[in-house]
C-alpha cells in the first residue's frame, strides 16, 4: 500500500510541475500570430503596389492620348507590358503571403470558423489549409506561377541575336509546359 502512495504522490508532484509548463508552452503558439498579421499586411501592401503598377501605364496612355503635346514622352509597348507583368508578379506574391498567413493561422492557432460558416456559398479551398504538406504544396504552386511570370517578363525584353537564342527560348518554354503539366496532373 505504501508503494501505491509514493508513485501517486510523484505523479501529483510531476503534474503540478509539468502542467503549468505545458500550459504556457501551448500558449506560446500565439507568437506565430505576429507572422500571420505581418504576412497579411505584406499581402495588402503588395496588392496596392501591384495596382499602382497597373495605374501608372494606364495614366501615361491616357495622358499621351488626350494631350497633343509632343514634349510628353510616350511609353513604348514593351514598357507598358512590363509594367502590367510586374503588377501580375506583385499580385501573385501577395497571394503567396495571403496563403501563408491563412495557413499558418489555421495550422498553429485555430481554424477560421468564419470561412467555414460563410453564407456566400462559395468554397475557398485555396485558403483552407489542413496540413503542413497542403500548405507547402499550395505555396510551391504559387511560386512556380511567379517564376513563369518572371520568365515571361524577361522574354518580352529578350533580343534574339543568334539562332541558338531562339532554340534556347523554345527549350525553356517546353520545359515550362512540361513542368506545368506535371504540376497540374492529378496524382
N, C-alpha and C. Protein backbone atom coordinates (compact mmCIF):
# COMPACT_ATOMS: atom_id res chain seq x y z
N UNK A 1 0.81 -1.18 0.00
CA UNK A 1 0.00 0.00 0.00
C UNK A 1 0.87 1.26 0.00
N UNK A 2 1.99 1.18 0.69
CA UNK A 2 2.89 2.31 0.73
C UNK A 2 3.48 2.57 -0.66
N UNK A 3 3.74 1.52 -1.43
CA UNK A 3 4.28 1.68 -2.78
C UNK A 3 3.29 2.40 -3.68
N UNK A 4 2.00 2.16 -3.48
CA UNK A 4 0.98 2.83 -4.29
C UNK A 4 0.93 4.32 -4.01
N UNK A 5 1.12 4.69 -2.78
CA UNK A 5 1.03 6.10 -2.39
C UNK A 5 2.22 6.88 -2.95
N UNK A 6 3.39 6.32 -2.90
CA UNK A 6 4.58 7.04 -3.37
C UNK A 6 4.50 7.35 -4.87
N UNK A 7 4.16 6.38 -5.73
CA UNK A 7 4.04 6.74 -7.15
C UNK A 7 2.95 7.78 -7.39
N UNK A 8 1.84 7.69 -6.64
CA UNK A 8 0.79 8.66 -6.82
C UNK A 8 1.25 10.06 -6.42
N UNK A 9 2.02 10.14 -5.35
CA UNK A 9 2.50 11.45 -4.92
C UNK A 9 3.54 11.99 -5.91
N UNK A 10 4.35 11.08 -6.48
CA UNK A 10 5.30 11.51 -7.51
C UNK A 10 4.57 12.00 -8.74
N UNK A 11 3.52 11.30 -9.12
CA UNK A 11 2.73 11.73 -10.28
C UNK A 11 2.05 13.05 -10.01
N UNK A 12 1.56 13.24 -8.81
CA UNK A 12 0.91 14.51 -8.46
C UNK A 12 1.93 15.64 -8.48
N UNK A 13 3.12 15.38 -7.97
CA UNK A 13 4.17 16.39 -7.99
C UNK A 13 4.58 16.70 -9.42
N UNK A 14 4.70 15.66 -10.23
CA UNK A 14 5.05 15.83 -11.64
C UNK A 14 3.99 16.64 -12.37
N UNK A 15 2.72 16.36 -12.08
CA UNK A 15 1.63 17.12 -12.71
C UNK A 15 1.65 18.57 -12.27
N UNK A 16 1.94 18.80 -11.00
CA UNK A 16 1.99 20.18 -10.50
C UNK A 16 3.10 20.98 -11.17
N UNK A 17 4.18 20.30 -11.50
CA UNK A 17 5.31 20.98 -12.14
C UNK A 17 5.08 21.09 -13.65
N UNK A 18 4.68 20.00 -14.28
CA UNK A 18 4.58 19.97 -15.73
C UNK A 18 3.34 20.68 -16.29
N UNK A 19 2.22 20.61 -15.59
CA UNK A 19 1.00 21.25 -16.12
C UNK A 19 1.17 22.74 -16.40
N UNK A 20 1.71 23.51 -15.47
CA UNK A 20 1.89 24.94 -15.80
C UNK A 20 2.88 25.17 -16.94
N UNK A 21 3.93 24.36 -16.99
CA UNK A 21 4.91 24.49 -18.07
C UNK A 21 4.25 24.18 -19.41
N UNK A 22 3.50 23.08 -19.46
CA UNK A 22 2.82 22.70 -20.70
C UNK A 22 1.75 23.72 -21.08
N UNK A 23 1.08 24.29 -20.09
CA UNK A 23 0.08 25.31 -20.35
C UNK A 23 0.71 26.51 -21.04
N UNK A 24 1.81 27.00 -20.49
CA UNK A 24 2.47 28.17 -21.08
C UNK A 24 3.15 27.83 -22.39
N UNK A 25 3.68 26.62 -22.49
CA UNK A 25 4.27 26.20 -23.75
C UNK A 25 3.22 26.18 -24.86
N UNK A 26 2.03 25.69 -24.55
CA UNK A 26 0.93 25.66 -25.51
C UNK A 26 0.51 27.08 -25.90
N UNK A 27 0.54 28.00 -24.95
CA UNK A 27 0.17 29.39 -25.23
C UNK A 27 1.20 30.09 -26.12
N UNK A 28 2.43 29.62 -26.14
CA UNK A 28 3.46 30.24 -26.97
C UNK A 28 3.16 30.12 -28.46
N UNK A 29 2.24 29.25 -28.83
CA UNK A 29 1.89 29.15 -30.25
C UNK A 29 1.31 30.47 -30.76
N UNK A 30 0.79 31.29 -29.87
CA UNK A 30 0.23 32.58 -30.27
C UNK A 30 1.29 33.57 -30.74
N UNK A 31 2.54 33.27 -30.50
CA UNK A 31 3.62 34.11 -31.03
C UNK A 31 3.58 34.10 -32.55
N UNK A 32 3.16 32.99 -33.13
CA UNK A 32 3.07 32.91 -34.59
C UNK A 32 2.03 33.87 -35.15
N UNK A 33 1.18 34.42 -34.28
CA UNK A 33 0.19 35.41 -34.73
C UNK A 33 0.88 36.64 -35.32
N UNK A 34 2.09 36.94 -34.83
CA UNK A 34 2.86 38.05 -35.40
C UNK A 34 3.14 37.80 -36.88
N UNK A 35 3.57 36.59 -37.21
CA UNK A 35 3.83 36.25 -38.60
C UNK A 35 2.55 36.31 -39.43
N UNK A 36 1.44 35.85 -38.85
CA UNK A 36 0.16 35.87 -39.55
C UNK A 36 -0.23 37.31 -39.89
N UNK A 37 -0.16 38.19 -38.90
CA UNK A 37 -0.56 39.59 -39.10
C UNK A 37 0.35 40.29 -40.10
N UNK A 38 1.66 40.14 -39.93
CA UNK A 38 2.57 40.86 -40.81
C UNK A 38 2.59 40.30 -42.23
N UNK A 39 2.33 39.01 -42.40
CA UNK A 39 2.19 38.46 -43.75
C UNK A 39 0.91 38.99 -44.41
N UNK A 40 -0.15 39.12 -43.64
CA UNK A 40 -1.39 39.69 -44.17
C UNK A 40 -1.19 41.15 -44.56
N UNK A 41 -0.47 41.89 -43.73
CA UNK A 41 -0.17 43.30 -44.04
C UNK A 41 0.71 43.38 -45.30
N UNK A 42 1.70 42.51 -45.39
CA UNK A 42 2.55 42.48 -46.59
C UNK A 42 1.72 42.17 -47.82
N UNK A 43 0.75 41.27 -47.69
CA UNK A 43 -0.13 40.93 -48.80
C UNK A 43 -0.92 42.16 -49.27
N UNK A 44 -1.48 42.89 -48.33
CA UNK A 44 -2.24 44.10 -48.68
C UNK A 44 -1.32 45.11 -49.36
N UNK A 45 -0.11 45.30 -48.80
CA UNK A 45 0.84 46.25 -49.39
C UNK A 45 1.20 45.85 -50.82
N UNK A 46 1.39 44.55 -51.05
CA UNK A 46 1.73 44.08 -52.39
C UNK A 46 0.57 44.24 -53.36
N UNK A 47 -0.66 44.02 -52.89
CA UNK A 47 -1.82 44.27 -53.75
C UNK A 47 -1.89 45.74 -54.14
N UNK A 48 -1.61 46.63 -53.20
CA UNK A 48 -1.62 48.06 -53.50
C UNK A 48 -0.50 48.41 -54.49
N UNK A 49 0.70 47.86 -54.26
CA UNK A 49 1.81 48.11 -55.17
C UNK A 49 1.50 47.60 -56.58
N UNK A 50 0.87 46.43 -56.68
CA UNK A 50 0.50 45.89 -57.99
C UNK A 50 -0.51 46.78 -58.69
N UNK A 51 -1.45 47.29 -57.93
CA UNK A 51 -2.45 48.19 -58.50
C UNK A 51 -1.79 49.47 -59.02
N UNK A 52 -0.85 49.99 -58.26
CA UNK A 52 -0.14 51.19 -58.70
C UNK A 52 0.69 50.92 -59.96
N UNK A 53 1.23 49.70 -60.07
CA UNK A 53 1.97 49.32 -61.28
C UNK A 53 1.07 49.32 -62.52
N UNK A 54 -0.19 49.00 -62.32
CA UNK A 54 -1.14 49.00 -63.44
C UNK A 54 -1.61 50.43 -63.74
N UNK A 55 -1.82 51.19 -62.70
CA UNK A 55 -2.34 52.56 -62.89
C UNK A 55 -1.33 53.43 -63.64
N UNK A 56 -0.04 53.29 -63.36
CA UNK A 56 0.97 54.14 -63.99
C UNK A 56 0.94 54.06 -65.53
N UNK A 57 1.04 52.89 -66.14
CA UNK A 57 1.00 52.86 -67.62
C UNK A 57 -0.35 53.33 -68.18
N UNK A 58 -1.44 53.01 -67.48
CA UNK A 58 -2.75 53.45 -67.96
C UNK A 58 -2.82 54.98 -67.95
N UNK A 59 -2.30 55.57 -66.88
CA UNK A 59 -2.27 57.04 -66.78
C UNK A 59 -1.43 57.62 -67.92
N UNK A 60 -0.28 57.02 -68.19
CA UNK A 60 0.59 57.50 -69.26
C UNK A 60 -0.08 57.36 -70.62
N UNK A 61 -0.80 56.27 -70.83
CA UNK A 61 -1.51 56.07 -72.10
C UNK A 61 -2.59 57.14 -72.26
N UNK A 62 -3.35 57.38 -71.20
CA UNK A 62 -4.41 58.39 -71.27
C UNK A 62 -3.85 59.79 -71.50
N UNK A 63 -2.77 60.12 -70.81
CA UNK A 63 -2.16 61.44 -70.99
C UNK A 63 -1.64 61.59 -72.41
N UNK A 64 -1.01 60.56 -72.93
CA UNK A 64 -0.48 60.62 -74.30
C UNK A 64 -1.60 60.70 -75.32
N UNK A 65 -2.71 60.05 -75.04
CA UNK A 65 -3.84 60.07 -75.98
C UNK A 65 -4.55 61.41 -75.95
N UNK A 66 -4.76 61.94 -74.75
CA UNK A 66 -5.51 63.19 -74.61
C UNK A 66 -4.67 64.40 -75.00
N UNK A 67 -3.45 64.43 -74.50
CA UNK A 67 -2.63 65.61 -74.79
C UNK A 67 -1.99 65.47 -76.15
N UNK A 68 -1.99 66.55 -76.84
CA UNK A 68 -1.37 66.55 -78.18
C UNK A 68 0.04 67.10 -78.11
N UNK A 69 0.51 67.35 -76.88
CA UNK A 69 1.86 67.89 -76.72
C UNK A 69 2.88 66.83 -77.09
N UNK A 70 3.80 67.22 -77.90
CA UNK A 70 4.82 66.27 -78.33
C UNK A 70 5.97 66.18 -77.34
N UNK A 71 5.97 67.06 -76.34
CA UNK A 71 7.06 67.02 -75.37
C UNK A 71 6.85 65.95 -74.30
N UNK A 72 5.67 65.37 -74.25
CA UNK A 72 5.40 64.32 -73.27
C UNK A 72 5.94 62.99 -73.80
N UNK A 73 6.82 62.33 -73.03
CA UNK A 73 7.39 61.06 -73.50
C UNK A 73 6.30 59.97 -73.55
N UNK A 74 6.28 59.25 -74.62
CA UNK A 74 5.30 58.19 -74.81
C UNK A 74 5.95 56.85 -74.44
N UNK A 75 5.25 56.09 -73.62
CA UNK A 75 5.75 54.77 -73.25
C UNK A 75 5.67 53.83 -74.44
N UNK A 76 6.68 53.01 -74.57
CA UNK A 76 6.66 52.00 -75.62
C UNK A 76 5.81 50.81 -75.18
N UNK A 77 5.34 50.05 -76.15
CA UNK A 77 4.51 48.88 -75.84
C UNK A 77 5.23 47.91 -74.90
N UNK A 78 6.52 47.77 -75.12
CA UNK A 78 7.31 46.85 -74.28
C UNK A 78 7.29 47.31 -72.82
N UNK A 79 7.43 48.60 -72.60
CA UNK A 79 7.40 49.14 -71.24
C UNK A 79 6.03 48.98 -70.59
N UNK A 80 4.99 49.18 -71.37
CA UNK A 80 3.62 49.01 -70.86
C UNK A 80 3.39 47.55 -70.45
N UNK A 81 3.79 46.63 -71.32
CA UNK A 81 3.64 45.20 -71.00
C UNK A 81 4.46 44.82 -69.76
N UNK A 82 5.67 45.34 -69.66
CA UNK A 82 6.49 45.05 -68.49
C UNK A 82 5.82 45.55 -67.21
N UNK A 83 5.21 46.73 -67.27
CA UNK A 83 4.50 47.27 -66.10
C UNK A 83 3.35 46.37 -65.69
N UNK A 84 2.57 45.90 -66.67
CA UNK A 84 1.45 45.02 -66.36
C UNK A 84 1.93 43.68 -65.81
N UNK A 85 3.01 43.17 -66.35
CA UNK A 85 3.53 41.89 -65.87
C UNK A 85 4.14 42.05 -64.48
N UNK A 86 4.78 43.19 -64.21
CA UNK A 86 5.28 43.45 -62.85
C UNK A 86 4.10 43.47 -61.86
N UNK A 87 2.99 44.06 -62.30
CA UNK A 87 1.79 44.09 -61.44
C UNK A 87 1.30 42.68 -61.17
N UNK A 88 1.24 41.86 -62.22
CA UNK A 88 0.82 40.47 -62.06
C UNK A 88 1.75 39.74 -61.10
N UNK A 89 3.03 39.98 -61.23
CA UNK A 89 4.02 39.38 -60.34
C UNK A 89 3.77 39.80 -58.89
N UNK A 90 3.51 41.08 -58.68
CA UNK A 90 3.23 41.56 -57.32
C UNK A 90 1.94 40.96 -56.76
N UNK A 91 0.93 40.82 -57.61
CA UNK A 91 -0.33 40.20 -57.16
C UNK A 91 -0.09 38.75 -56.74
N UNK A 92 0.70 38.04 -57.51
CA UNK A 92 0.97 36.63 -57.19
C UNK A 92 1.77 36.50 -55.89
N UNK A 93 2.72 37.39 -55.68
CA UNK A 93 3.47 37.37 -54.43
C UNK A 93 2.54 37.72 -53.27
N UNK A 94 1.59 38.63 -53.50
CA UNK A 94 0.61 38.97 -52.46
C UNK A 94 -0.24 37.75 -52.11
N UNK A 95 -0.62 36.98 -53.13
CA UNK A 95 -1.39 35.75 -52.89
C UNK A 95 -0.54 34.76 -52.09
N UNK A 96 0.74 34.68 -52.41
CA UNK A 96 1.66 33.82 -51.65
C UNK A 96 1.61 34.19 -50.16
N UNK A 97 1.75 35.48 -49.86
CA UNK A 97 1.72 35.92 -48.46
C UNK A 97 0.36 35.65 -47.81
N UNK A 98 -0.71 35.82 -48.58
CA UNK A 98 -2.05 35.58 -48.05
C UNK A 98 -2.24 34.10 -47.71
N UNK A 99 -1.85 33.23 -48.63
CA UNK A 99 -1.97 31.79 -48.37
C UNK A 99 -1.13 31.39 -47.16
N UNK A 100 0.09 31.93 -47.09
CA UNK A 100 0.95 31.60 -45.96
C UNK A 100 0.33 32.09 -44.65
N UNK A 101 -0.23 33.29 -44.66
CA UNK A 101 -0.86 33.84 -43.47
C UNK A 101 -2.03 32.99 -43.01
N UNK A 102 -2.94 32.65 -43.93
CA UNK A 102 -4.09 31.83 -43.59
C UNK A 102 -3.65 30.44 -43.12
N UNK A 103 -2.69 29.85 -43.85
CA UNK A 103 -2.22 28.52 -43.50
C UNK A 103 -1.58 28.45 -42.13
N UNK A 104 -0.74 29.43 -41.83
CA UNK A 104 -0.10 29.49 -40.53
C UNK A 104 -1.13 29.64 -39.42
N UNK A 105 -2.12 30.48 -39.65
CA UNK A 105 -3.16 30.68 -38.64
C UNK A 105 -3.93 29.37 -38.40
N UNK A 106 -4.34 28.72 -39.51
CA UNK A 106 -5.14 27.50 -39.37
C UNK A 106 -4.34 26.33 -38.81
N UNK A 107 -3.07 26.27 -39.11
CA UNK A 107 -2.26 25.14 -38.62
C UNK A 107 -1.83 25.31 -37.17
N UNK A 108 -1.55 26.53 -36.75
CA UNK A 108 -0.96 26.72 -35.43
C UNK A 108 -1.94 27.31 -34.42
N UNK A 109 -2.74 28.27 -34.83
CA UNK A 109 -3.56 28.98 -33.85
C UNK A 109 -4.96 28.38 -33.76
N UNK A 110 -5.73 28.44 -34.84
CA UNK A 110 -7.11 27.96 -34.79
C UNK A 110 -7.67 27.89 -36.20
N UNK A 111 -8.68 27.08 -36.39
CA UNK A 111 -9.40 27.06 -37.65
C UNK A 111 -10.17 28.37 -37.79
N UNK A 112 -10.33 28.83 -39.02
CA UNK A 112 -11.06 30.07 -39.26
C UNK A 112 -12.53 29.70 -39.43
N UNK A 113 -13.28 29.85 -38.35
CA UNK A 113 -14.69 29.45 -38.34
C UNK A 113 -15.53 30.28 -39.29
N UNK A 114 -15.22 31.54 -39.44
CA UNK A 114 -15.99 32.42 -40.32
C UNK A 114 -15.94 31.90 -41.76
N UNK A 115 -14.80 31.39 -42.18
CA UNK A 115 -14.67 30.87 -43.54
C UNK A 115 -15.49 29.60 -43.74
N UNK A 116 -15.61 28.80 -42.70
CA UNK A 116 -16.36 27.55 -42.81
C UNK A 116 -17.86 27.75 -42.66
N UNK A 117 -18.28 28.77 -41.94
CA UNK A 117 -19.70 29.05 -41.74
C UNK A 117 -20.17 30.21 -42.61
N UNK A 118 -19.46 30.42 -43.69
CA UNK A 118 -19.76 31.56 -44.55
C UNK A 118 -21.11 31.40 -45.23
N UNK A 119 -21.78 32.50 -45.40
CA UNK A 119 -23.09 32.47 -46.05
C UNK A 119 -23.00 32.76 -47.53
N UNK A 120 -21.78 32.89 -48.07
CA UNK A 120 -21.67 33.19 -49.50
C UNK A 120 -21.70 31.94 -50.38
N UNK A 121 -21.81 30.77 -49.78
CA UNK A 121 -21.95 29.50 -50.50
C UNK A 121 -20.82 29.24 -51.49
N UNK A 122 -19.67 29.79 -51.25
CA UNK A 122 -18.52 29.58 -52.12
C UNK A 122 -17.44 28.88 -51.32
N UNK A 123 -16.93 27.81 -51.87
CA UNK A 123 -15.81 27.11 -51.23
C UNK A 123 -14.53 27.91 -51.49
N UNK A 124 -13.68 28.00 -50.51
CA UNK A 124 -12.41 28.69 -50.64
C UNK A 124 -11.28 27.70 -50.37
N UNK A 125 -11.08 26.72 -51.27
CA UNK A 125 -10.09 25.68 -50.99
C UNK A 125 -8.66 26.19 -50.97
N UNK A 126 -8.39 27.29 -51.65
CA UNK A 126 -7.03 27.82 -51.68
C UNK A 126 -6.62 28.33 -50.30
N UNK A 127 -7.57 28.82 -49.54
CA UNK A 127 -7.26 29.41 -48.24
C UNK A 127 -7.52 28.46 -47.07
N UNK A 128 -8.06 27.28 -47.32
CA UNK A 128 -8.30 26.31 -46.25
C UNK A 128 -7.14 25.31 -46.24
N UNK A 129 -6.39 25.34 -45.17
CA UNK A 129 -5.20 24.51 -45.04
C UNK A 129 -5.41 23.53 -43.90
N UNK A 130 -5.21 22.24 -44.17
CA UNK A 130 -5.41 21.24 -43.13
C UNK A 130 -4.11 20.57 -42.66
N UNK A 131 -3.04 20.73 -43.44
CA UNK A 131 -1.78 20.12 -43.04
C UNK A 131 -0.62 20.95 -43.57
N UNK A 132 0.55 20.70 -43.01
CA UNK A 132 1.74 21.40 -43.44
C UNK A 132 2.09 21.04 -44.89
N UNK A 133 1.86 19.79 -45.27
CA UNK A 133 2.11 19.37 -46.65
C UNK A 133 1.19 20.10 -47.62
N UNK A 134 -0.06 20.30 -47.23
CA UNK A 134 -1.00 21.02 -48.08
C UNK A 134 -0.58 22.48 -48.24
N UNK A 135 -0.14 23.10 -47.16
CA UNK A 135 0.36 24.48 -47.22
C UNK A 135 1.57 24.56 -48.14
N UNK A 136 2.50 23.62 -47.98
CA UNK A 136 3.69 23.59 -48.80
C UNK A 136 3.34 23.41 -50.27
N UNK A 137 2.41 22.53 -50.56
CA UNK A 137 2.00 22.28 -51.94
C UNK A 137 1.39 23.53 -52.58
N UNK A 138 0.52 24.21 -51.85
CA UNK A 138 -0.11 25.41 -52.39
C UNK A 138 0.90 26.53 -52.60
N UNK A 139 1.82 26.67 -51.67
CA UNK A 139 2.84 27.71 -51.79
C UNK A 139 3.78 27.40 -52.96
N UNK A 140 4.15 26.15 -53.13
CA UNK A 140 5.03 25.77 -54.24
C UNK A 140 4.35 26.07 -55.58
N UNK A 141 3.06 25.79 -55.68
CA UNK A 141 2.34 26.10 -56.93
C UNK A 141 2.36 27.59 -57.23
N UNK A 142 2.15 28.41 -56.22
CA UNK A 142 2.17 29.86 -56.43
C UNK A 142 3.58 30.31 -56.82
N UNK A 143 4.60 29.75 -56.18
CA UNK A 143 5.99 30.13 -56.51
C UNK A 143 6.30 29.77 -57.96
N UNK A 144 5.84 28.62 -58.41
CA UNK A 144 6.10 28.23 -59.80
C UNK A 144 5.40 29.18 -60.76
N UNK A 145 4.19 29.60 -60.44
CA UNK A 145 3.50 30.56 -61.30
C UNK A 145 4.24 31.89 -61.30
N UNK A 146 4.77 32.31 -60.15
CA UNK A 146 5.56 33.54 -60.07
C UNK A 146 6.79 33.43 -60.97
N UNK A 147 7.45 32.28 -60.95
CA UNK A 147 8.63 32.07 -61.78
C UNK A 147 8.27 32.09 -63.27
N UNK A 148 7.12 31.54 -63.62
CA UNK A 148 6.67 31.56 -65.02
C UNK A 148 6.42 32.99 -65.46
N UNK A 149 5.80 33.78 -64.60
CA UNK A 149 5.54 35.19 -64.93
C UNK A 149 6.87 35.94 -65.06
N UNK A 150 7.81 35.69 -64.18
CA UNK A 150 9.13 36.34 -64.26
C UNK A 150 9.83 35.94 -65.56
N UNK A 151 9.71 34.68 -65.95
CA UNK A 151 10.28 34.23 -67.21
C UNK A 151 9.63 34.97 -68.38
N UNK A 152 8.32 35.10 -68.35
CA UNK A 152 7.59 35.79 -69.40
C UNK A 152 8.04 37.25 -69.49
N UNK A 153 8.23 37.89 -68.33
CA UNK A 153 8.68 39.29 -68.30
C UNK A 153 10.05 39.42 -68.96
N UNK A 154 10.94 38.46 -68.73
CA UNK A 154 12.27 38.51 -69.34
C UNK A 154 12.23 38.19 -70.83
N UNK A 155 11.30 37.35 -71.24
CA UNK A 155 11.18 37.00 -72.65
C UNK A 155 10.76 38.22 -73.47
N UNK A 156 9.92 39.06 -72.90
CA UNK A 156 9.44 40.24 -73.62
C UNK A 156 10.60 41.15 -74.03
N UNK A 157 11.56 41.32 -73.14
CA UNK A 157 12.66 42.23 -73.44
C UNK A 157 13.86 41.52 -74.07
N UNK A 158 13.71 40.24 -74.32
CA UNK A 158 14.82 39.47 -74.87
C UNK A 158 15.04 39.81 -76.34
N UNK A 159 16.28 40.02 -76.70
CA UNK A 159 16.64 40.28 -78.10
C UNK A 159 17.28 39.02 -78.68
N UNK A 160 16.74 38.58 -79.81
CA UNK A 160 17.26 37.40 -80.48
C UNK A 160 18.46 37.81 -81.33
N UNK A 161 19.64 37.36 -80.93
CA UNK A 161 20.86 37.71 -81.67
C UNK A 161 21.27 36.55 -82.57
N UNK A 162 21.19 35.36 -82.04
CA UNK A 162 21.59 34.19 -82.81
C UNK A 162 20.45 33.18 -82.85
N UNK A 163 20.58 32.21 -83.72
CA UNK A 163 19.58 31.15 -83.83
C UNK A 163 19.53 30.34 -82.54
N UNK A 164 20.65 30.20 -81.88
CA UNK A 164 20.69 29.42 -80.64
C UNK A 164 19.84 30.10 -79.55
N UNK A 165 19.69 31.43 -79.61
CA UNK A 165 18.84 32.13 -78.65
C UNK A 165 17.38 31.68 -78.80
N UNK A 166 16.94 31.59 -80.04
CA UNK A 166 15.57 31.14 -80.30
C UNK A 166 15.39 29.69 -79.87
N UNK A 167 16.40 28.87 -80.12
CA UNK A 167 16.33 27.46 -79.72
C UNK A 167 16.28 27.34 -78.20
N UNK A 168 17.07 28.10 -77.49
CA UNK A 168 17.06 28.06 -76.03
C UNK A 168 15.72 28.56 -75.48
N UNK A 169 15.15 29.57 -76.12
CA UNK A 169 13.83 30.06 -75.71
C UNK A 169 12.78 28.98 -75.90
N UNK A 170 12.82 28.29 -77.03
CA UNK A 170 11.88 27.20 -77.28
C UNK A 170 12.03 26.08 -76.26
N UNK A 171 13.27 25.73 -75.92
CA UNK A 171 13.51 24.68 -74.92
C UNK A 171 12.99 25.12 -73.55
N UNK A 172 13.21 26.38 -73.21
CA UNK A 172 12.73 26.89 -71.91
C UNK A 172 11.20 26.86 -71.85
N UNK A 173 10.55 27.24 -72.94
CA UNK A 173 9.08 27.21 -72.98
C UNK A 173 8.58 25.77 -72.88
N UNK A 174 9.24 24.86 -73.58
CA UNK A 174 8.87 23.45 -73.50
C UNK A 174 9.04 22.93 -72.07
N UNK A 175 10.12 23.30 -71.41
CA UNK A 175 10.35 22.88 -70.02
C UNK A 175 9.25 23.43 -69.11
N UNK A 176 8.85 24.67 -69.32
CA UNK A 176 7.75 25.25 -68.53
C UNK A 176 6.45 24.49 -68.76
N UNK A 177 6.18 24.14 -70.02
CA UNK A 177 4.95 23.40 -70.33
C UNK A 177 4.95 22.02 -69.67
N UNK A 178 6.07 21.34 -69.75
CA UNK A 178 6.16 20.01 -69.13
C UNK A 178 6.03 20.13 -67.61
N UNK A 179 6.68 21.12 -67.04
CA UNK A 179 6.58 21.33 -65.59
C UNK A 179 5.17 21.64 -65.16
N UNK A 180 4.48 22.49 -65.90
CA UNK A 180 3.10 22.84 -65.52
C UNK A 180 2.16 21.65 -65.73
N UNK A 181 2.46 20.79 -66.71
CA UNK A 181 1.66 19.59 -66.90
C UNK A 181 1.76 18.68 -65.67
N UNK A 182 2.98 18.44 -65.21
CA UNK A 182 3.16 17.57 -64.04
C UNK A 182 2.64 18.23 -62.77
N UNK A 183 2.67 19.54 -62.73
CA UNK A 183 2.17 20.25 -61.56
C UNK A 183 0.66 20.13 -61.43
N UNK A 184 -0.04 20.18 -62.56
CA UNK A 184 -1.50 20.13 -62.53
C UNK A 184 -2.05 18.72 -62.67
N UNK A 185 -1.20 17.77 -63.02
CA UNK A 185 -1.63 16.38 -63.19
C UNK A 185 -2.10 15.83 -61.85
N UNK A 186 -3.27 15.19 -61.86
CA UNK A 186 -3.80 14.57 -60.63
C UNK A 186 -2.98 13.34 -60.31
N UNK A 187 -2.65 13.18 -59.05
CA UNK A 187 -1.84 12.02 -58.63
C UNK A 187 -2.73 10.88 -58.21
